[in-house]
Amino acid sequence: MSDRLCLQGVLYVLYQDISWQLLPLELGFGSGQTCWRRLSRWHEASVFDRLHRVLLAKLHAADQFDWSRACVDASREKEKEGADTGPSPVDRRKQAVNTT
């Protein structure tokens, strides 16, 4: 199965909001499982992160990037290991209850 057909299958599943198992074989995109495995491999290889960077660079080079509509979102960033976030709410409750 070609990468292009698998990508079309992935986009179909996402656009139609269906489960991978419901991807119709008649469309020629392969099985949902095949498309899902390919998507997983692309994700592990950071294909979409690289594609995003390339598209942004091309838009910027062509002066086609509208920075007035840009938004910064840190939700994709992982928390640093050992970050001091304080005690969990469960631990705080235990400390508050113990008033002897």
PDB file of N, CA and C in Angstrom:
ATOM      1  N   MET A   1       0.850  -1.172   0.000  1.00  0.00           N
ATOM      2  CA  MET A   1       0.000   0.000   0.000  1.00  0.00           C
ATOM      3  C   MET A   1       0.899   1.239   0.000  1.00  0.00           C
ATOM      4  N   SER A   2       0.626   2.157  -0.878  1.00  0.00           N
ATOM      5  CA  SER A   2       1.462   3.361  -0.972  1.00  0.00           C
ATOM      6  C   SER A   2       1.186   4.303   0.198  1.00  0.00           C
ATOM      7  N   ASP A   3       2.186   5.125   0.498  1.00  0.00           N
ATOM      8  CA  ASP A   3       2.025   6.114   1.570  1.00  0.00           C
ATOM      9  C   ASP A   3       0.882   7.072   1.255  1.00  0.00           C
ATOM     10  N   ARG A   4       0.768   7.441   0.002  1.00  0.00           N
ATOM     11  CA  ARG A   4      -0.283   8.386  -0.394  1.00  0.00           C
ATOM     12  C   ARG A   4      -1.669   7.824  -0.104  1.00  0.00           C
ATOM     13  N   LEU A   5      -1.898   6.560  -0.466  1.00  0.00           N
ATOM     14  CA  LEU A   5      -3.205   5.945  -0.217  1.00  0.00           C
ATOM     15  C   LEU A   5      -3.470   5.812   1.282  1.00  0.00           C
ATOM     16  N   CYS A   6      -2.428   5.460   2.040  1.00  0.00           N
ATOM     17  CA  CYS A   6      -2.599   5.361   3.495  1.00  0.00           C
ATOM     18  C   CYS A   6      -2.928   6.726   4.091  1.00  0.00           C
ATOM     19  N   LEU A   7      -2.261   7.767   3.616  1.00  0.00           N
ATOM     20  CA  LEU A   7      -2.562   9.111   4.113  1.00  0.00           C
ATOM     21  C   LEU A   7      -4.004   9.485   3.782  1.00  0.00           C
ATOM     22  N   GLN A   8      -4.458   9.133   2.583  1.00  0.00           N
ATOM     23  CA  GLN A   8      -5.850   9.401   2.228  1.00  0.00           C
ATOM     24  C   GLN A   8      -6.799   8.644   3.155  1.00  0.00           C
ATOM     25  N   GLY A   9      -6.443   7.415   3.499  1.00  0.00           N
ATOM     26  CA  GLY A   9      -7.257   6.643   4.434  1.00  0.00           C
ATOM     27  C   GLY A   9      -7.291   7.274   5.814  1.00  0.00           C
ATOM     28  N   VAL A  10      -6.147   7.747   6.282  1.00  0.00           N
ATOM     29  CA  VAL A  10      -6.071   8.424   7.579  1.00  0.00           C
ATOM     30  C   VAL A  10      -6.944   9.669   7.566  1.00  0.00           C
ATOM     31  N   LEU A  11      -6.815  10.470   6.514  1.00  0.00           N
ATOM     32  CA  LEU A  11      -7.608  11.694   6.415  1.00  0.00           C
ATOM     33  C   LEU A  11      -9.098  11.385   6.330  1.00  0.00           C
ATOM     34  N   TYR A  12      -9.458  10.318   5.636  1.00  0.00           N
ATOM     35  CA  TYR A  12     -10.867   9.922   5.538  1.00  0.00           C
ATOM     36  C   TYR A  12     -11.416   9.566   6.918  1.00  0.00           C
ATOM     37  N   VAL A  13     -10.663   8.766   7.666  1.00  0.00           N
ATOM     38  CA  VAL A  13     -11.099   8.359   9.008  1.00  0.00           C
ATOM     39  C   VAL A  13     -11.262   9.581   9.910  1.00  0.00           C
ATOM     40  N   LEU A  14     -10.304  10.487   9.858  1.00  0.00           N
ATOM     41  CA  LEU A  14     -10.370  11.674  10.705  1.00  0.00           C
ATOM     42  C   LEU A  14     -11.511  12.598  10.284  1.00  0.00           C
ATOM     43  N   TYR A  15     -11.669  12.799   8.980  1.00  0.00           N
ATOM     44  CA  TYR A  15     -12.702  13.706   8.492  1.00  0.00           C
ATOM     45  C   TYR A  15     -14.106  13.153   8.757  1.00  0.00           C
ATOM     46  N   GLN A  16     -14.266  11.859   8.550  1.00  0.00           N
ATOM     47  CA  GLN A  16     -15.578  11.230   8.748  1.00  0.00           C
ATOM     48  C   GLN A  16     -15.857  10.906  10.211  1.00  0.00           C
ATOM     49  N   ASP A  17     -14.821  11.020  11.058  1.00  0.00           N
ATOM     50  CA  ASP A  17     -14.946  10.726  12.488  1.00  0.00           C
ATOM     51  C   ASP A  17     -15.487   9.318  12.715  1.00  0.00           C
ATOM     52  N   ILE A  18     -14.825   8.349  12.068  1.00  0.00           N
ATOM     53  CA  ILE A  18     -15.210   6.952  12.224  1.00  0.00           C
ATOM     54  C   ILE A  18     -14.057   6.192  12.863  1.00  0.00           C
ATOM     55  N   SER A  19     -14.334   5.013  13.353  1.00  0.00           N
ATOM     56  CA  SER A  19     -13.265   4.193  13.922  1.00  0.00           C
ATOM     57  C   SER A  19     -12.448   3.576  12.782  1.00  0.00           C
ATOM     58  N   TRP A  20     -11.242   3.194  13.100  1.00  0.00           N
ATOM     59  CA  TRP A  20     -10.352   2.621  12.090  1.00  0.00           C
ATOM     60  C   TRP A  20     -10.960   1.379  11.460  1.00  0.00           C
ATOM     61  N   GLN A  21     -11.675   0.593  12.242  1.00  0.00           N
ATOM     62  CA  GLN A  21     -12.260  -0.655  11.742  1.00  0.00           C
ATOM     63  C   GLN A  21     -13.345  -0.398  10.696  1.00  0.00           C
ATOM     64  N   LEU A  22     -13.917   0.812  10.673  1.00  0.00           N
ATOM     65  CA  LEU A  22     -15.005   1.111   9.749  1.00  0.00           C
ATOM     66  C   LEU A  22     -14.536   1.736   8.431  1.00  0.00           C
ATOM     67  N   LEU A  23     -13.222   1.815   8.220  1.00  0.00           N
ATOM     68  CA  LEU A  23     -12.716   2.349   6.951  1.00  0.00           C
ATOM     69  C   LEU A  23     -13.083   1.364   5.837  1.00  0.00           C
ATOM     70  N   PRO A  24     -13.904   1.784   4.870  1.00  0.00           N
ATOM     71  CA  PRO A  24     -14.343   0.858   3.816  1.00  0.00           C
ATOM     72  C   PRO A  24     -13.189   0.427   2.911  1.00  0.00           C
ATOM     73  N   LEU A  25     -13.026  -0.867   2.740  1.00  0.00           N
ATOM     74  CA  LEU A  25     -11.975  -1.381   1.862  1.00  0.00           C
ATOM     75  C   LEU A  25     -12.223  -0.988   0.411  1.00  0.00           C
ATOM     76  N   GLU A  26     -13.496  -0.777   0.048  1.00  0.00           N
ATOM     77  CA  GLU A  26     -13.842  -0.439  -1.332  1.00  0.00           C
ATOM     78  C   GLU A  26     -13.208   0.883  -1.787  1.00  0.00           C
ATOM     79  N   LEU A  27     -12.832   1.736  -0.851  1.00  0.00           N
ATOM     80  CA  LEU A  27     -12.236   3.021  -1.212  1.00  0.00           C
ATOM     81  C   LEU A  27     -10.800   2.884  -1.719  1.00  0.00           C
ATOM     82  N   GLY A  28     -10.181   1.747  -1.425  1.00  0.00           N
ATOM     83  CA  GLY A  28      -8.829   1.497  -1.927  1.00  0.00           C
ATOM     84  C   GLY A  28      -7.711   2.068  -1.077  1.00  0.00           C
ATOM     85  N   PHE A  29      -8.037   2.468   0.170  1.00  0.00           N
ATOM     86  CA  PHE A  29      -7.015   3.030   1.054  1.00  0.00           C
ATOM     87  C   PHE A  29      -6.338   1.967   1.910  1.00  0.00           C
ATOM     88  N   GLY A  30      -6.737   0.731   1.769  1.00  0.00           N
ATOM     89  CA  GLY A  30      -6.241  -0.328   2.630  1.00  0.00           C
ATOM     90  C   GLY A  30      -7.135  -0.449   3.847  1.00  0.00           C
ATOM     91  N   SER A  31      -6.770  -1.333   4.732  1.00  0.00           N
ATOM     92  CA  SER A  31      -7.580  -1.529   5.934  1.00  0.00           C
ATOM     93  C   SER A  31      -7.310  -0.411   6.936  1.00  0.00           C
ATOM     94  N   GLY A  32      -8.234  -0.234   7.843  1.00  0.00           N
ATOM     95  CA  GLY A  32      -8.049   0.757   8.895  1.00  0.00           C
ATOM     96  C   GLY A  32      -6.819   0.460   9.728  1.00  0.00           C
ATOM     97  N   GLN A  33      -6.571  -0.835   9.965  1.00  0.00           N
ATOM     98  CA  GLN A  33      -5.406  -1.221  10.760  1.00  0.00           C
ATOM     99  C   GLN A  33      -4.111  -0.842  10.046  1.00  0.00           C
ATOM    100  N   THR A  34      -4.070  -1.035   8.735  1.00  0.00           N
ATOM    101  CA  THR A  34      -2.882  -0.658   7.952  1.00  0.00           C
ATOM    102  C   THR A  34      -2.645   0.844   8.038  1.00  0.00           C
ATOM    103  N   CYS A  35      -3.712   1.612   7.851  1.00  0.00           N
ATOM    104  CA  CYS A  35      -3.585   3.077   7.909  1.00  0.00           C
ATOM    105  C   CYS A  35      -3.164   3.527   9.301  1.00  0.00           C
ATOM    106  N   TRP A  36      -3.714   2.900  10.336  1.00  0.00           N
ATOM    107  CA  TRP A  36      -3.376   3.276  11.709  1.00  0.00           C
ATOM    108  C   TRP A  36      -1.911   2.972  12.002  1.00  0.00           C
ATOM    109  N   ARG A  37      -1.441   1.784  11.564  1.00  0.00           N
ATOM    110  CA  ARG A  37      -0.030   1.434  11.795  1.00  0.00           C
ATOM    111  C   ARG A  37       0.896   2.403  11.077  1.00  0.00           C
ATOM    112  N   ARG A  38       0.553   2.773   9.838  1.00  0.00           N
ATOM    113  CA  ARG A  38       1.382   3.720   9.091  1.00  0.00           C
ATOM    114  C   ARG A  38       1.391   5.077   9.787  1.00  0.00           C
ATOM    115  N   LEU A  39       0.229   5.530  10.251  1.00  0.00           N
ATOM    116  CA  LEU A  39       0.150   6.792  10.987  1.00  0.00           C
ATOM    117  C   LEU A  39       1.016   6.742  12.237  1.00  0.00           C
ATOM    118  N   SER A  40       0.988   5.621  12.932  1.00  0.00           N
ATOM    119  CA  SER A  40       1.805   5.462  14.146  1.00  0.00           C
ATOM    120  C   SER A  40       3.294   5.555  13.810  1.00  0.00           C
ATOM    121  N   ARG A  41       3.706   4.906  12.725  1.00  0.00           N
ATOM    122  CA  ARG A  41       5.120   4.973  12.314  1.00  0.00           C
ATOM    123  C   ARG A  41       5.513   6.386  11.915  1.00  0.00           C
ATOM    124  N   TRP A  42       4.636   7.073  11.206  1.00  0.00           N
ATOM    125  CA  TRP A  42       4.928   8.458  10.812  1.00  0.00           C
ATOM    126  C   TRP A  42       5.056   9.339  12.047  1.00  0.00           C
ATOM    127  N   HIS A  43       4.189   9.105  13.022  1.00  0.00           N
ATOM    128  CA  HIS A  43       4.249   9.898  14.255  1.00  0.00           C
ATOM    129  C   HIS A  43       5.567   9.653  14.981  1.00  0.00           C
ATOM    130  N   GLU A  44       5.966   8.390  15.100  1.00  0.00           N
ATOM    131  CA  GLU A  44       7.232   8.052  15.773  1.00  0.00           C
ATOM    132  C   GLU A  44       8.424   8.659  15.047  1.00  0.00           C
ATOM    133  N   ALA A  45       8.337   8.784  13.736  1.00  0.00           N
ATOM    134  CA  ALA A  45       9.431   9.350  12.940  1.00  0.00           C
ATOM    135  C   ALA A  45       9.344  10.876  12.846  1.00  0.00           C
ATOM    136  N   SER A  46       8.409  11.496  13.559  1.00  0.00           N
ATOM    137  CA  SER A  46       8.219  12.958  13.578  1.00  0.00           C
ATOM    138  C   SER A  46       7.938  13.541  12.190  1.00  0.00           C
ATOM    139  N   VAL A  47       7.290  12.766  11.355  1.00  0.00           N
ATOM    140  CA  VAL A  47       6.991  13.225   9.992  1.00  0.00           C
ATOM    141  C   VAL A  47       6.133  14.475  10.013  1.00  0.00           C
ATOM    142  N   PHE A  48       5.107  14.511  10.862  1.00  0.00           N
ATOM    143  CA  PHE A  48       4.193  15.645  10.855  1.00  0.00           C
ATOM    144  C   PHE A  48       4.817  16.893  11.469  1.00  0.00           C
ATOM    145  N   ASP A  49       5.691  16.719  12.441  1.00  0.00           N
ATOM    146  CA  ASP A  49       6.410  17.873  12.992  1.00  0.00           C
ATOM    147  C   ASP A  49       7.308  18.497  11.921  1.00  0.00           C
ATOM    148  N   ARG A  50       7.996  17.653  11.163  1.00  0.00           N
ATOM    149  CA  ARG A  50       8.863  18.161  10.096  1.00  0.00           C
ATOM    150  C   ARG A  50       8.038  18.825   8.997  1.00  0.00           C
ATOM    151  N   LEU A  51       6.915  18.203   8.639  1.00  0.00           N
ATOM    152  CA  LEU A  51       6.043  18.780   7.619  1.00  0.00           C
ATOM    153  C   LEU A  51       5.530  20.150   8.066  1.00  0.00           C
ATOM    154  N   HIS A  52       5.161  20.258   9.325  1.00  0.00           N
ATOM    155  CA  HIS A  52       4.675  21.519   9.876  1.00  0.00           C
ATOM    156  C   HIS A  52       5.749  22.599   9.761  1.00  0.00           C
ATOM    157  N   ARG A  53       6.983  22.258  10.135  1.00  0.00           N
ATOM    158  CA  ARG A  53       8.080  23.224  10.048  1.00  0.00           C
ATOM    159  C   ARG A  53       8.355  23.659   8.611  1.00  0.00           C
ATOM    160  N   VAL A  54       8.324  22.694   7.674  1.00  0.00           N
ATOM    161  CA  VAL A  54       8.567  23.007   6.265  1.00  0.00           C
ATOM    162  C   VAL A  54       7.483  23.935   5.731  1.00  0.00           C
ATOM    163  N   LEU A  55       6.217  23.639   6.045  1.00  0.00           N
ATOM    164  CA  LEU A  55       5.117  24.484   5.571  1.00  0.00           C
ATOM    165  C   LEU A  55       5.211  25.896   6.148  1.00  0.00           C
ATOM    166  N   LEU A  56       5.535  26.001   7.430  1.00  0.00           N
ATOM    167  CA  LEU A  56       5.689  27.328   8.033  1.00  0.00           C
ATOM    168  C   LEU A  56       6.827  28.102   7.390  1.00  0.00           C
ATOM    169  N   ALA A  57       7.939  27.426   7.121  1.00  0.00           N
ATOM    170  CA  ALA A  57       9.086  28.092   6.495  1.00  0.00           C
ATOM    171  C   ALA A  57       8.738  28.578   5.086  1.00  0.00           C
ATOM    172  N   LYS A  58       8.014  27.748   4.333  1.00  0.00           N
ATOM    173  CA  LYS A  58       7.632  28.159   2.974  1.00  0.00           C
ATOM    174  C   LYS A  58       6.659  29.337   3.004  1.00  0.00           C
ATOM    175  N   LEU A  59       5.716  29.306   3.911  1.00  0.00           N
ATOM    176  CA  LEU A  59       4.788  30.424   4.039  1.00  0.00           C
ATOM    177  C   LEU A  59       5.524  31.708   4.427  1.00  0.00           C
ATOM    178  N   HIS A  60       6.456  31.578   5.367  1.00  0.00           N
ATOM    179  CA  HIS A  60       7.222  32.744   5.804  1.00  0.00           C
ATOM    180  C   HIS A  60       8.081  33.280   4.661  1.00  0.00           C
ATOM    181  N   ALA A  61       8.741  32.392   3.925  1.00  0.00           N
ATOM    182  CA  ALA A  61       9.603  32.816   2.812  1.00  0.00           C
ATOM    183  C   ALA A  61       8.798  33.511   1.722  1.00  0.00           C
ATOM    184  N   ALA A  62       7.559  33.096   1.525  1.00  0.00           N
ATOM    185  CA  ALA A  62       6.709  33.707   0.504  1.00  0.00           C
ATOM    186  C   ALA A  62       5.941  34.904   1.057  1.00  0.00           C
ATOM    187  N   ASP A  63       6.257  35.283   2.274  1.00  0.00           N
ATOM    188  CA  ASP A  63       5.578  36.389   2.948  1.00  0.00           C
ATOM    189  C   ASP A  63       4.054  36.181   2.958  1.00  0.00           C
ATOM    190  N   GLN A  64       3.658  34.933   3.200  1.00  0.00           N
ATOM    191  CA  GLN A  64       2.241  34.579   3.211  1.00  0.00           C
ATOM    192  C   GLN A  64       1.755  34.179   4.603  1.00  0.00           C
ATOM    193  N   PHE A  65       2.594  34.366   5.602  1.00  0.00           N
ATOM    194  CA  PHE A  65       2.217  33.977   6.951  1.00  0.00           C
ATOM    195  C   PHE A  65       1.613  35.178   7.658  1.00  0.00           C
ATOM    196  N   ASP A  66       0.397  35.043   8.120  1.00  0.00           N
ATOM    197  CA  ASP A  66      -0.317  36.125   8.797  1.00  0.00           C
ATOM    198  C   ASP A  66      -0.096  35.987  10.306  1.00  0.00           C
ATOM    199  N   TRP A  67       0.907  36.676  10.835  1.00  0.00           N
ATOM    200  CA  TRP A  67       1.256  36.569  12.251  1.00  0.00           C
ATOM    201  C   TRP A  67       0.168  37.146  13.154  1.00  0.00           C
ATOM    202  N   SER A  68      -0.737  37.962  12.622  1.00  0.00           N
ATOM    203  CA  SER A  68      -1.801  38.516  13.462  1.00  0.00           C
ATOM    204  C   SER A  68      -2.782  37.436  13.899  1.00  0.00           C
ATOM    205  N   ARG A  69      -2.755  36.287  13.229  1.00  0.00           N
ATOM    206  CA  ARG A  69      -3.664  35.196  13.587  1.00  0.00           C
ATOM    207  C   ARG A  69      -2.920  34.034  14.245  1.00  0.00           C
ATOM    208  N   ALA A  70      -1.670  34.240  14.605  1.00  0.00           N
ATOM    209  CA  ALA A  70      -0.872  33.178  15.217  1.00  0.00           C
ATOM    210  C   ALA A  70      -1.243  33.005  16.682  1.00  0.00           C
ATOM    211  N   CYS A  71      -1.074  31.806  17.166  1.00  0.00           N
ATOM    212  CA  CYS A  71      -1.400  31.478  18.554  1.00  0.00           C
ATOM    213  C   CYS A  71      -0.318  30.552  19.092  1.00  0.00           C
ATOM    214  N   VAL A  72       0.124  30.792  20.297  1.00  0.00           N
ATOM    215  CA  VAL A  72       1.129  29.947  20.925  1.00  0.00           C
ATOM    216  C   VAL A  72       0.415  28.982  21.863  1.00  0.00           C
ATOM    217  N   ASP A  73       0.723  27.711  21.704  1.00  0.00           N
ATOM    218  CA  ASP A  73       0.091  26.677  22.516  1.00  0.00           C
ATOM    219  C   ASP A  73       1.173  25.736  23.018  1.00  0.00           C
ATOM    220  N   ALA A  74       1.327  25.651  24.313  1.00  0.00           N
ATOM    221  CA  ALA A  74       2.363  24.801  24.894  1.00  0.00           C
ATOM    222  C   ALA A  74       1.818  23.450  25.327  1.00  0.00           C
ATOM    223  N   SER A  75       0.622  23.102  24.927  1.00  0.00           N
ATOM    224  CA  SER A  75       0.024  21.850  25.378  1.00  0.00           C
ATOM    225  C   SER A  75       0.766  20.631  24.852  1.00  0.00           C
ATOM    226  N   ARG A  76       1.552  20.784  23.790  1.00  0.00           N
ATOM    227  CA  ARG A  76       2.305  19.657  23.243  1.00  0.00           C
ATOM    228  C   ARG A  76       3.622  19.446  23.967  1.00  0.00           C
ATOM    229  N   GLU A  77       4.026  20.396  24.790  1.00  0.00           N
ATOM    230  CA  GLU A  77       5.297  20.298  25.498  1.00  0.00           C
ATOM    231  C   GLU A  77       5.145  19.394  26.710  1.00  0.00           C
ATOM    232  N   LYS A  78       6.113  18.507  26.883  1.00  0.00           N
ATOM    233  CA  LYS A  78       6.089  17.617  28.043  1.00  0.00           C
ATOM    234  C   LYS A  78       6.627  18.348  29.266  1.00  0.00           C
ATOM    235  N   GLU A  79       6.105  17.979  30.422  1.00  0.00           N
ATOM    236  CA  GLU A  79       6.584  18.566  31.662  1.00  0.00           C
ATOM    237  C   GLU A  79       7.988  18.052  31.938  1.00  0.00           C
ATOM    238  N   LYS A  80       8.841  18.918  32.431  1.00  0.00           N
ATOM    239  CA  LYS A  80      10.202  18.520  32.734  1.00  0.00           C
ATOM    240  C   LYS A  80      10.196  17.501  33.858  1.00  0.00           C
ATOM    241  N   GLU A  81      11.104  16.531  33.753  1.00  0.00           N
ATOM    242  CA  GLU A  81      11.218  15.517  34.792  1.00  0.00           C
ATOM    243  C   GLU A  81      11.605  16.177  36.106  1.00  0.00           C
ATOM    244  N   GLY A  82      10.963  15.785  37.169  1.00  0.00           N
ATOM    245  CA  GLY A  82      11.292  16.303  38.483  1.00  0.00           C
ATOM    246  C   GLY A  82      10.804  17.710  38.733  1.00  0.00           C
ATOM    247  N   ALA A  83       9.876  18.177  37.918  1.00  0.00           N
ATOM    248  CA  ALA A  83       9.352  19.533  38.111  1.00  0.00           C
ATOM    249  C   ALA A  83       8.618  19.602  39.445  1.00  0.00           C
ATOM    250  N   ASP A  84       8.832  20.682  40.160  1.00  0.00           N
ATOM    251  CA  ASP A  84       8.206  20.850  41.468  1.00  0.00           C
ATOM    252  C   ASP A  84       6.787  21.370  41.280  1.00  0.00           C
ATOM    253  N   THR A  85       5.833  20.466  41.353  1.00  0.00           N
ATOM    254  CA  THR A  85       4.439  20.851  41.178  1.00  0.00           C
ATOM    255  C   THR A  85       3.714  20.902  42.508  1.00  0.00           C
ATOM    256  N   GLY A  86       4.415  20.571  43.584  1.00  0.00           N
ATOM    257  CA  GLY A  86       3.791  20.584  44.904  1.00  0.00           C
ATOM    258  C   GLY A  86       3.081  19.272  45.174  1.00  0.00           C
ATOM    259  N   PRO A  87       2.560  19.153  46.376  1.00  0.00           N
ATOM    260  CA  PRO A  87       1.887  17.906  46.728  1.00  0.00           C
ATOM    261  C   PRO A  87       0.582  17.758  45.950  1.00  0.00           C
ATOM    262  N   SER A  88       0.187  16.510  45.782  1.00  0.00           N
ATOM    263  CA  SER A  88      -1.064  16.260  45.065  1.00  0.00           C
ATOM    264  C   SER A  88      -2.239  16.680  45.943  1.00  0.00           C
ATOM    265  N   PRO A  89      -3.400  16.941  45.343  1.00  0.00           N
ATOM    266  CA  PRO A  89      -4.575  17.319  46.137  1.00  0.00           C
ATOM    267  C   PRO A  89      -4.926  16.273  47.187  1.00  0.00           C
ATOM    268  N   VAL A  90      -4.682  15.015  46.887  1.00  0.00           N
ATOM    269  CA  VAL A  90      -4.967  13.948  47.851  1.00  0.00           C
ATOM    270  C   VAL A  90      -4.071  14.109  49.068  1.00  0.00           C
ATOM    271  N   ASP A  91      -2.774  14.375  48.851  1.00  0.00           N
ATOM    272  CA  ASP A  91      -1.852  14.550  49.967  1.00  0.00           C
ATOM    273  C   ASP A  91      -2.195  15.793  50.778  1.00  0.00           C
ATOM    274  N   ARG A  92      -2.583  16.873  50.104  1.00  0.00           N
ATOM    275  CA  ARG A  92      -2.951  18.084  50.840  1.00  0.00           C
ATOM    276  C   ARG A  92      -4.157  17.828  51.736  1.00  0.00           C
ATOM    277  N   ARG A  93      -5.100  17.048  51.252  1.00  0.00           N
ATOM    278  CA  ARG A  93      -6.290  16.739  52.063  1.00  0.00           C
ATOM    279  C   ARG A  93      -5.887  15.926  53.285  1.00  0.00           C
ATOM    280  N   LYS A  94      -5.021  14.982  53.097  1.00  0.00           N
ATOM    281  CA  LYS A  94      -4.573  14.166  54.240  1.00  0.00           C
ATOM    282  C   LYS A  94      -3.911  15.040  55.299  1.00  0.00           C
ATOM    283  N   GLN A  95      -3.116  15.996  54.847  1.00  0.00           N
ATOM    284  CA  GLN A  95      -2.436  16.886  55.803  1.00  0.00           C
ATOM    285  C   GLN A  95      -3.434  17.770  56.517  1.00  0.00           C
ATOM    286  N   ALA A  96      -4.457  18.235  55.803  1.00  0.00           N
ATOM    287  CA  ALA A  96      -5.446  19.121  56.407  1.00  0.00           C
ATOM    288  C   ALA A  96      -6.333  18.377  57.412  1.00  0.00           C
ATOM    289  N   VAL A  97      -6.628  17.113  57.156  1.00  0.00           N
ATOM    290  CA  VAL A  97      -7.493  16.330  58.038  1.00  0.00           C
ATOM    291  C   VAL A  97      -6.760  15.983  59.332  1.00  0.00           C
ATOM    292  N   ASN A  98      -5.480  15.769  59.269  1.00  0.00           N
ATOM    293  CA  ASN A  98      -4.708  15.350  60.431  1.00  0.00           C
ATOM    294  C   ASN A  98      -4.421  16.573  61.311  1.00  0.00           C
ATOM    295  N   THR A  99      -5.361  16.935  62.195  1.00  0.00           N
ATOM    296  CA  THR A  99      -5.222  18.128  63.021  1.00  0.00           C
ATOM    297  C   THR A  99      -5.117  17.768  64.500  1.00  0.00           C
ATOM    298  N   THR A 100      -4.519  16.667  64.827  1.00  0.00           N
ATOM    299  CA  THR A 100      -4.409  16.261  66.243  1.00  0.00           C
ATOM    300  C   THR A 100      -3.269  16.901  66.944  1.00  0.00           C
TER     301      THR A 100
END
